Amino acid sequence: MDPVREYLLLGLRFDRLMQGFVDAYIGDPALRRQVDNEPRPDPLALARRARELRAELPGTALSVPRLQFLDAQLRALECSGQALAGEPVGFVAEVGAYFEVHITSGDQDAYRAAHDELDALLPGSGPPAARLDAHRGRDEIDPERLEPAVAALSSALRDRVRARYPLPATETVRYEVVSDKPWSGFNYYLGDFSSTVAINADLGHRMANLPHLVAHESYPGHHTEHCRKEAGLVATEDQAEQTLFLVNTPQCLMAEGLADLGLHSMVGAGWGQWAQEIFADLGLRMNGELAERLEAAAVALIGVRQDAALLLHDRGADPSDVVDYLQRWLLVTEPRARQMLWFLSDPLWRAYTTTYVEGYRLLRGWLDARPDGESLGERYRRLLDEPLTPSSIRAELAA
């Protein structure tokens, strides 16, 4: 029994139950064809197979990091099979099985302190939410200028990434502007070091947010990670399990965490001024220093979206109350809160917000706790190149 081949087949079969479960697959196309030609699988049978494979892993000759990776992925798939079969799985337990984290509600006193800090930073007078909305309106990019702004940021970040983390000469990212999606951006990794990044124009992208989005989806985020792992773990080390990227697994928490820390890793302090200069070349005016200070204050609100998921799926709150909660604590408009609710309500993505919240928290702490003599860039390189899991990161922090 080849455990990696069996894992790949299992993961591909989940995509037959819920389209989009396989985020990317760049492995043997014969496996995909085999699964496509099979009858629609039974979710409980998939859950049992995941449990069986987990039990068989200790008897294989795989290295410890590969065993840890596959064990974590299979535990998540077992839970997905149970949930898709309609078995009662509590939301907190479901999130724990998917992402190797235990989630709790955030600290509203910390949210209030963040509101006070934002209040002090925002120009003008009146309620902070209204002033923040006005500031965001001034910072918004006209839709017709979105593509050149994305291209300029991508080029600047790509130069920095390639200088620090060598990428194949043929790697490329193509951007497209889309609409009517529950997310702000999405990386479609196509294999052979190529990605298409879709950017949702419906959300009204802002100059303060766009550098993070491009860093997240492309350089040094999802595209860079895929390229580095395809060139390293897959091509050089023959770790075929890395040819498959599955939603609702620990793999996602690691990927979203490292992507959300992309701008921090590549530019760091002063990113606001850096972005301001890029936008200025396009005739766009941005207050980079204020943008950076506002973002630093708003980091304390990162848990609000996870609170909303708990309200909706763990406590059975009315969706209108969830919208109110998001508006109150995240200081967003009702349309933006409803967009977030759409994402939280999607059957595929309902648990996924945790990957951003807990992924950022876990990996930011790990990056900050790097040993003396290890640079931030060296530490971040491990996220791009190694098959790390949330549990392995926590083990390092504990040690």
Protein backbone atom coordinates (compact mmCIF):
# COMPACT_ATOMS: atom_id res chain seq x y z
CA MET A 1 0.00 0.00 0.00
CA ASP A 2 1.36 3.36 -1.05
CA PRO A 3 0.04 5.75 1.64
CA VAL A 4 0.73 8.86 -0.42
CA ARG A 5 -1.14 7.55 -3.46
CA GLU A 6 -4.05 6.55 -1.24
CA TYR A 7 -4.08 10.00 0.36
CA LEU A 8 -4.16 11.67 -3.05
CA LEU A 9 -7.04 9.50 -4.21
CA LEU A 10 -8.93 10.19 -0.99
CA GLY A 11 -8.47 13.95 -1.26
CA LEU A 12 -9.54 14.00 -4.91
CA ARG A 13 -12.68 12.03 -4.03
CA PHE A 14 -13.77 14.75 -1.63
CA ASP A 15 -13.94 17.12 -4.58
CA ARG A 16 -16.64 14.87 -6.04
CA LEU A 17 -18.76 15.62 -2.96
CA MET A 18 -18.11 19.35 -2.76
CA GLN A 19 -16.71 21.22 -5.73
CA GLY A 20 -13.80 23.42 -4.69
CA PHE A 21 -12.64 21.11 -1.91
CA VAL A 22 -9.51 20.54 -3.97
CA ASP A 23 -7.95 23.98 -4.17
CA ALA A 24 -5.09 22.81 -6.40
CA TYR A 25 -3.81 19.54 -7.82
CA ILE A 26 -0.62 19.34 -9.87
CA GLY A 27 0.06 15.61 -9.56
CA ASP A 28 -0.41 12.59 -11.81
CA PRO A 29 -3.44 13.33 -14.05
CA ALA A 30 -4.21 9.60 -14.20
CA LEU A 31 -5.30 9.74 -10.55
CA ARG A 32 -7.70 12.58 -11.32
CA ARG A 33 -9.12 10.66 -14.28
CA GLN A 34 -9.55 7.55 -12.15
CA VAL A 35 -11.53 9.46 -9.53
CA ASP A 36 -13.62 11.28 -12.14
CA ASN A 37 -14.66 7.93 -13.62
CA GLU A 38 -15.71 6.42 -10.27
CA PRO A 39 -19.25 6.52 -8.86
CA ARG A 40 -19.95 9.41 -6.53
CA PRO A 41 -18.37 8.41 -3.20
CA ASP A 42 -20.10 7.98 0.12
CA PRO A 43 -18.85 10.55 2.64
CA LEU A 44 -18.84 8.10 5.56
CA ALA A 45 -16.81 5.64 3.49
CA LEU A 46 -14.29 8.43 2.88
CA ALA A 47 -14.19 9.20 6.60
CA ARG A 48 -13.52 5.53 7.37
CA ARG A 49 -10.77 5.41 4.75
CA ALA A 50 -9.11 8.47 6.26
CA ARG A 51 -9.20 6.80 9.68
CA GLU A 52 -7.73 3.59 8.26
CA LEU A 53 -4.90 5.44 6.53
CA ARG A 54 -4.05 7.29 9.73
CA ALA A 55 -3.76 3.99 11.56
CA GLU A 56 -1.47 2.59 8.86
CA LEU A 57 0.93 5.55 8.74
CA PRO A 58 3.20 4.51 11.66
CA GLY A 59 4.14 1.33 9.79
CA THR A 60 5.43 3.16 6.73
CA ALA A 61 8.96 4.32 5.97
CA LEU A 62 8.03 7.99 5.59
CA SER A 63 10.06 10.62 7.45
CA VAL A 64 8.65 12.16 10.62
CA PRO A 65 7.71 15.52 9.02
CA ARG A 66 5.84 13.71 6.24
CA LEU A 67 4.07 11.46 8.74
CA GLN A 68 3.03 14.46 10.81
CA PHE A 69 1.75 16.27 7.72
CA LEU A 70 -0.28 13.31 6.44
CA ASP A 71 -1.64 12.46 9.89
CA ALA A 72 -2.93 16.02 10.34
CA GLN A 73 -4.46 16.09 6.86
CA LEU A 74 -6.17 12.72 7.29
CA ARG A 75 -7.64 13.70 10.65
CA ALA A 76 -9.20 16.72 8.95
CA LEU A 77 -10.54 14.60 6.09
CA GLU A 78 -12.13 12.16 8.53
CA CYS A 79 -14.05 15.03 10.09
CA SER A 80 -15.04 16.42 6.68
CA GLY A 81 -16.49 13.07 5.71
CA GLN A 82 -18.53 12.95 8.89
CA ALA A 83 -19.78 16.52 8.42
CA LEU A 84 -20.68 15.94 4.77
CA ALA A 85 -22.63 12.84 5.80
CA GLY A 86 -24.72 14.98 8.14
CA GLU A 87 -23.34 13.53 11.36
CA PRO A 88 -23.54 15.93 14.31
CA VAL A 89 -20.15 17.60 14.70
CA GLY A 90 -19.94 20.63 16.97
CA PHE A 91 -18.52 23.69 15.25
CA VAL A 92 -15.61 24.13 17.69
CA ALA A 93 -14.72 20.45 17.34
CA GLU A 94 -15.04 20.68 13.56
CA VAL A 95 -12.67 23.65 13.40
CA GLY A 96 -10.27 21.85 15.74
CA ALA A 97 -10.17 18.78 13.53
CA TYR A 98 -9.70 20.81 10.36
CA PHE A 99 -7.00 23.17 11.57
CA GLU A 100 -5.42 21.78 14.78
CA VAL A 101 -6.57 24.75 16.87
CA HIS A 102 -9.06 25.34 19.67
CA ILE A 103 -11.04 28.53 19.13
CA THR A 104 -12.72 30.76 21.71
CA SER A 105 -14.42 34.14 21.61
CA GLY A 106 -12.26 37.24 21.57
CA ASP A 107 -11.72 39.81 24.31
CA GLN A 108 -14.14 42.69 23.87
CA ASP A 109 -12.08 44.88 26.20
CA ALA A 110 -9.21 44.51 23.73
CA TYR A 111 -11.62 45.47 20.94
CA ARG A 112 -12.66 48.59 22.87
CA ALA A 113 -9.01 49.55 23.38
CA ALA A 114 -8.43 49.18 19.63
CA HIS A 115 -11.45 51.39 18.95
CA ASP A 116 -9.98 54.03 21.27
CA GLU A 117 -6.65 53.88 19.46
CA LEU A 118 -8.34 54.18 16.08
CA ASP A 119 -10.40 57.08 17.42
CA ALA A 120 -7.21 58.92 18.35
CA LEU A 121 -5.61 58.28 14.94
CA LEU A 122 -8.53 59.14 12.65
CA PRO A 123 -8.90 62.75 11.50
CA GLY A 124 -12.07 64.70 12.15
CA SER A 125 -14.72 64.27 14.80
CA GLY A 126 -17.71 62.04 15.41
CA PRO A 127 -18.10 58.30 15.92
CA PRO A 128 -14.99 56.29 14.99
CA ALA A 129 -16.96 53.97 12.70
CA ALA A 130 -18.21 56.87 10.58
CA ARG A 131 -14.78 58.49 10.41
CA LEU A 132 -13.13 55.18 9.53
CA ASP A 133 -15.69 54.65 6.76
CA ALA A 134 -14.97 58.15 5.42
CA HIS A 135 -11.23 57.49 5.53
CA ARG A 136 -11.68 54.21 3.69
CA GLY A 137 -13.76 55.98 1.05
CA ARG A 138 -10.95 58.44 0.41
CA ASP A 139 -8.48 55.56 0.19
CA GLU A 140 -10.50 53.56 -2.34
CA ILE A 141 -9.07 52.96 -5.81
CA ASP A 142 -11.21 53.62 -8.87
CA PRO A 143 -12.03 50.27 -10.53
CA GLU A 144 -10.38 51.29 -13.80
CA ARG A 145 -7.11 51.94 -11.95
CA LEU A 146 -7.15 48.68 -10.03
CA GLU A 147 -5.29 46.55 -12.58
CA PRO A 148 -2.30 48.90 -13.07
CA ALA A 149 -2.02 49.33 -9.30
CA VAL A 150 -1.97 45.57 -8.81
CA ALA A 151 0.62 45.17 -11.57
CA ALA A 152 2.92 47.79 -10.03
CA LEU A 153 2.73 46.26 -6.55
CA SER A 154 3.21 42.76 -7.91
CA SER A 155 6.30 43.79 -9.86
CA ALA A 156 7.87 45.51 -6.86
CA LEU A 157 7.17 42.58 -4.54
CA ARG A 158 8.31 40.03 -7.10
CA ASP A 159 11.70 41.73 -7.35
CA ARG A 160 12.12 41.54 -3.58
CA VAL A 161 11.02 37.92 -3.38
CA ARG A 162 13.26 36.73 -6.20
CA ALA A 163 16.25 38.44 -4.60
CA ARG A 164 15.65 36.58 -1.33
CA TYR A 165 13.97 33.33 -2.36
CA PRO A 166 15.02 32.06 -5.81
CA LEU A 167 12.08 31.15 -8.03
CA PRO A 168 12.05 29.27 -11.34
CA ALA A 169 12.76 31.54 -14.29
CA THR A 170 9.44 30.58 -15.87
CA GLU A 171 7.22 31.42 -12.87
CA THR A 172 4.40 33.81 -13.63
CA VAL A 173 1.21 35.27 -12.18
CA ARG A 174 -1.69 36.48 -14.28
CA TYR A 175 -4.25 38.77 -12.63
CA GLU A 176 -7.92 39.06 -13.51
CA VAL A 177 -10.64 41.24 -12.02
CA VAL A 178 -13.88 39.38 -11.18
CA SER A 179 -17.12 40.03 -9.33
CA ASP A 180 -19.88 38.26 -7.40
CA LYS A 181 -17.54 36.25 -5.14
CA PRO A 182 -17.57 35.80 -1.35
CA TRP A 183 -13.81 36.49 -1.07
CA SER A 184 -11.60 39.49 -1.88
CA GLY A 185 -8.93 37.59 -3.79
CA PHE A 186 -8.17 34.01 -4.78
CA ASN A 187 -5.05 32.25 -6.07
CA TYR A 188 -5.62 29.49 -8.61
CA TYR A 189 -2.34 27.61 -8.79
CA LEU A 190 -2.09 25.86 -12.14
CA GLY A 191 1.18 24.03 -11.71
CA ASP A 192 4.41 24.50 -13.63
CA PHE A 193 5.05 27.62 -11.54
CA SER A 194 2.02 29.49 -12.88
CA SER A 195 -0.93 31.09 -11.06
CA THR A 196 -4.03 33.04 -11.94
CA VAL A 197 -5.02 35.48 -9.20
CA ALA A 198 -8.62 36.69 -9.23
CA ILE A 199 -9.42 39.98 -7.50
CA ASN A 200 -13.01 40.71 -6.55
CA ALA A 201 -13.81 44.23 -7.70
CA ASP A 202 -17.09 44.29 -5.75
CA LEU A 203 -15.31 45.03 -2.47
CA GLY A 204 -13.94 48.44 -3.38
CA HIS A 205 -10.23 47.85 -2.87
CA ARG A 206 -8.23 50.44 -0.96
CA MET A 207 -4.64 51.56 -1.33
CA ALA A 208 -3.96 50.58 2.28
CA ASN A 209 -5.19 47.03 1.68
CA LEU A 210 -3.96 46.29 -1.83
CA PRO A 211 -0.27 45.71 -0.91
CA HIS A 212 -1.38 43.07 1.60
CA LEU A 213 -3.66 41.43 -0.95
CA VAL A 214 -0.94 41.17 -3.60
CA ALA A 215 1.60 39.94 -1.06
CA HIS A 216 -0.95 37.41 0.23
CA GLU A 217 -1.95 35.94 -3.11
CA SER A 218 1.36 36.15 -4.98
CA TYR A 219 4.67 37.41 -3.57
CA PRO A 220 5.65 35.97 -1.09
CA GLY A 221 2.28 34.34 -0.35
CA HIS A 222 0.35 31.57 -2.08
CA HIS A 223 2.02 31.68 -5.50
CA THR A 224 5.51 31.77 -4.03
CA GLU A 225 4.77 28.94 -1.59
CA HIS A 226 3.34 26.75 -4.35
CA CYS A 227 6.34 27.43 -6.60
CA ARG A 228 8.89 26.75 -3.88
CA LYS A 229 7.21 23.52 -2.78
CA GLU A 230 6.74 22.32 -6.36
CA ALA A 231 10.40 22.96 -7.15
CA GLY A 232 11.64 21.58 -3.82
CA LEU A 233 9.42 19.10 -1.98
CA VAL A 234 7.77 17.71 -5.13
CA ALA A 235 10.45 17.79 -7.82
CA THR A 236 13.55 17.30 -5.69
CA GLU A 237 12.34 15.31 -2.68
CA ASP A 238 9.51 13.36 -4.35
CA GLN A 239 6.93 14.32 -1.71
CA ALA A 240 3.91 13.76 -3.93
CA GLU A 241 1.48 14.61 -1.13
CA GLN A 242 2.43 18.24 -1.75
CA THR A 243 0.87 18.09 -5.23
CA LEU A 244 -2.57 18.28 -3.60
CA PHE A 245 -3.91 21.30 -1.74
CA LEU A 246 -7.14 20.70 0.17
CA VAL A 247 -9.56 23.17 1.75
CA ASN A 248 -10.42 22.68 5.44
CA THR A 249 -7.12 21.07 6.44
CA PRO A 250 -4.15 22.21 8.56
CA GLN A 251 -2.35 22.87 5.27
CA CYS A 252 -4.70 25.84 4.79
CA LEU A 253 -4.06 27.39 8.20
CA MET A 254 -0.34 27.33 7.49
CA ALA A 255 -0.80 28.75 3.99
CA GLU A 256 -3.14 31.56 5.02
CA GLY A 257 -0.99 32.46 8.02
CA LEU A 258 2.19 32.76 5.99
CA ALA A 259 0.35 34.65 3.24
CA ASP A 260 -1.11 37.16 5.71
CA LEU A 261 2.43 37.75 7.01
CA GLY A 262 3.86 38.22 3.53
CA LEU A 263 4.10 41.99 3.57
CA HIS A 264 5.49 41.91 7.11
CA SER A 265 8.18 39.51 5.94
CA MET A 266 9.16 41.21 2.69
CA VAL A 267 8.81 44.92 3.54
CA GLY A 268 8.12 45.15 7.26
CA ALA A 269 8.06 48.46 9.12
CA GLY A 270 7.74 51.31 6.65
CA TRP A 271 5.52 49.41 4.24
CA GLY A 272 3.12 52.35 4.18
CA GLN A 273 5.73 54.75 2.82
CA TRP A 274 6.93 52.05 0.41
CA ALA A 275 3.41 51.62 -0.97
CA GLN A 276 2.81 55.37 -1.03
CA GLU A 277 5.75 55.83 -3.39
CA ILE A 278 4.54 53.09 -5.73
CA PHE A 279 1.05 54.62 -5.87
CA ALA A 280 2.50 58.09 -6.40
CA ASP A 281 4.10 56.87 -9.64
CA LEU A 282 0.58 56.00 -10.79
CA GLY A 283 -0.81 59.41 -9.83
CA LEU A 284 -2.53 58.07 -6.70
CA ARG A 285 -2.23 59.81 -3.35
CA MET A 286 -1.96 57.68 -0.22
CA ASN A 287 -1.06 58.59 3.36
CA GLY A 288 1.24 55.66 3.96
CA GLU A 289 2.21 56.53 7.52
CA LEU A 290 -1.41 56.82 8.64
CA ALA A 291 -2.35 53.61 6.82
CA GLU A 292 0.38 51.72 8.65
CA ARG A 293 -0.59 53.12 12.04
CA LEU A 294 -4.27 52.35 11.50
CA GLU A 295 -3.45 48.78 10.50
CA ALA A 296 -1.30 48.29 13.59
CA ALA A 297 -4.23 49.41 15.77
CA ALA A 298 -6.74 47.25 13.92
CA VAL A 299 -4.73 44.04 14.38
CA ALA A 300 -6.41 43.71 17.80
CA LEU A 301 -9.73 43.28 15.95
CA ILE A 302 -8.57 40.23 14.04
CA GLY A 303 -10.70 37.90 16.16
CA VAL A 304 -14.01 39.63 15.43
CA ARG A 305 -14.65 37.58 12.28
CA GLN A 306 -14.00 34.36 14.18
CA ASP A 307 -16.39 35.53 16.89
CA ALA A 308 -18.98 36.00 14.15
CA ALA A 309 -18.43 32.43 12.96
CA LEU A 310 -18.91 31.15 16.51
CA LEU A 311 -22.09 33.17 16.89
CA LEU A 312 -23.50 31.84 13.64
CA HIS A 313 -22.48 28.18 13.76
CA ASP A 314 -21.88 27.40 17.44
CA ARG A 315 -24.51 29.49 19.18
CA GLY A 316 -27.17 29.61 16.48
CA ALA A 317 -27.41 33.40 16.36
CA ASP A 318 -29.71 35.03 13.85
CA PRO A 319 -27.74 36.18 10.78
CA SER A 320 -28.94 39.76 11.34
CA ASP A 321 -27.37 39.69 14.81
CA VAL A 322 -24.10 38.47 13.30
CA VAL A 323 -24.16 41.41 10.87
CA ASP A 324 -24.75 43.77 13.80
CA TYR A 325 -21.84 42.21 15.69
CA LEU A 326 -19.49 42.68 12.75
CA GLN A 327 -20.57 46.28 12.29
CA ARG A 328 -20.16 47.09 15.97
CA TRP A 329 -16.79 45.53 16.68
CA LEU A 330 -15.07 45.51 13.29
CA LEU A 331 -16.30 49.02 12.45
CA VAL A 332 -17.48 48.08 8.96
CA THR A 333 -20.53 49.12 6.99
CA GLU A 334 -23.60 46.93 6.70
CA PRO A 335 -22.83 45.93 3.06
CA ARG A 336 -19.30 44.88 4.06
CA ALA A 337 -20.64 42.96 7.05
CA ARG A 338 -23.14 41.16 4.81
CA GLN A 339 -20.32 40.25 2.42
CA MET A 340 -18.50 38.68 5.38
CA LEU A 341 -21.68 36.85 6.38
CA TRP A 342 -21.90 35.44 2.85
CA PHE A 343 -18.43 33.94 3.25
CA LEU A 344 -19.23 32.62 6.75
CA SER A 345 -22.46 31.03 5.49
CA ASP A 346 -20.96 29.24 2.49
CA PRO A 347 -20.95 25.45 3.11
CA LEU A 348 -17.34 25.13 1.91
CA TRP A 349 -15.94 28.22 3.64
CA ARG A 350 -17.95 28.42 6.87
CA ALA A 351 -15.02 27.32 9.07
CA TYR A 352 -12.31 28.91 6.97
CA THR A 353 -12.11 32.29 8.72
CA THR A 354 -10.13 30.54 11.46
CA THR A 355 -7.24 30.00 9.03
CA TYR A 356 -6.71 33.76 8.80
CA VAL A 357 -7.23 34.52 12.48
CA GLU A 358 -5.38 31.63 14.13
CA GLY A 359 -2.92 31.23 11.28
CA TYR A 360 -1.76 34.83 11.67
CA ARG A 361 -1.57 34.57 15.46
CA LEU A 362 0.35 31.29 15.50
CA LEU A 363 2.85 32.13 12.78
CA ARG A 364 3.40 35.73 13.89
CA GLY A 365 4.32 34.42 17.33
CA TRP A 366 6.62 31.81 15.78
CA LEU A 367 8.33 34.37 13.54
CA ASP A 368 8.82 36.72 16.49
CA ALA A 369 10.24 33.89 18.62
CA ARG A 370 13.02 33.02 16.17
CA PRO A 371 16.38 32.14 17.72
CA ASP A 372 19.14 34.71 18.06
CA GLY A 373 21.05 34.96 14.82
CA GLU A 374 18.18 33.79 12.61
CA SER A 375 16.77 36.53 10.39
CA LEU A 376 13.08 37.04 9.69
CA GLY A 377 13.72 36.09 6.06
CA GLU A 378 15.39 32.83 7.04
CA ARG A 379 12.56 31.97 9.40
CA TYR A 380 9.92 32.76 6.78
CA ARG A 381 11.76 30.62 4.23
CA ARG A 382 10.92 27.55 6.34
CA LEU A 383 7.21 28.26 5.90
CA LEU A 384 7.68 28.34 2.14
CA ASP A 385 9.84 25.24 1.91
CA GLU A 386 8.94 22.77 4.67
CA PRO A 387 5.82 20.62 5.27
CA LEU A 388 5.13 22.24 8.64
CA THR A 389 1.87 21.84 10.57
CA PRO A 390 0.23 23.90 13.34
CA SER A 391 1.19 21.19 15.83
CA SER A 392 4.83 21.18 14.77
CA ILE A 393 4.94 24.97 15.05
CA ARG A 394 3.49 24.83 18.58
CA ALA A 395 6.01 22.12 19.50
CA GLU A 396 8.85 24.40 18.43
CA LEU A 397 7.41 27.28 20.42
CA ALA A 398 7.08 25.08 23.50
CA ALA A 399 10.69 23.92 23.15
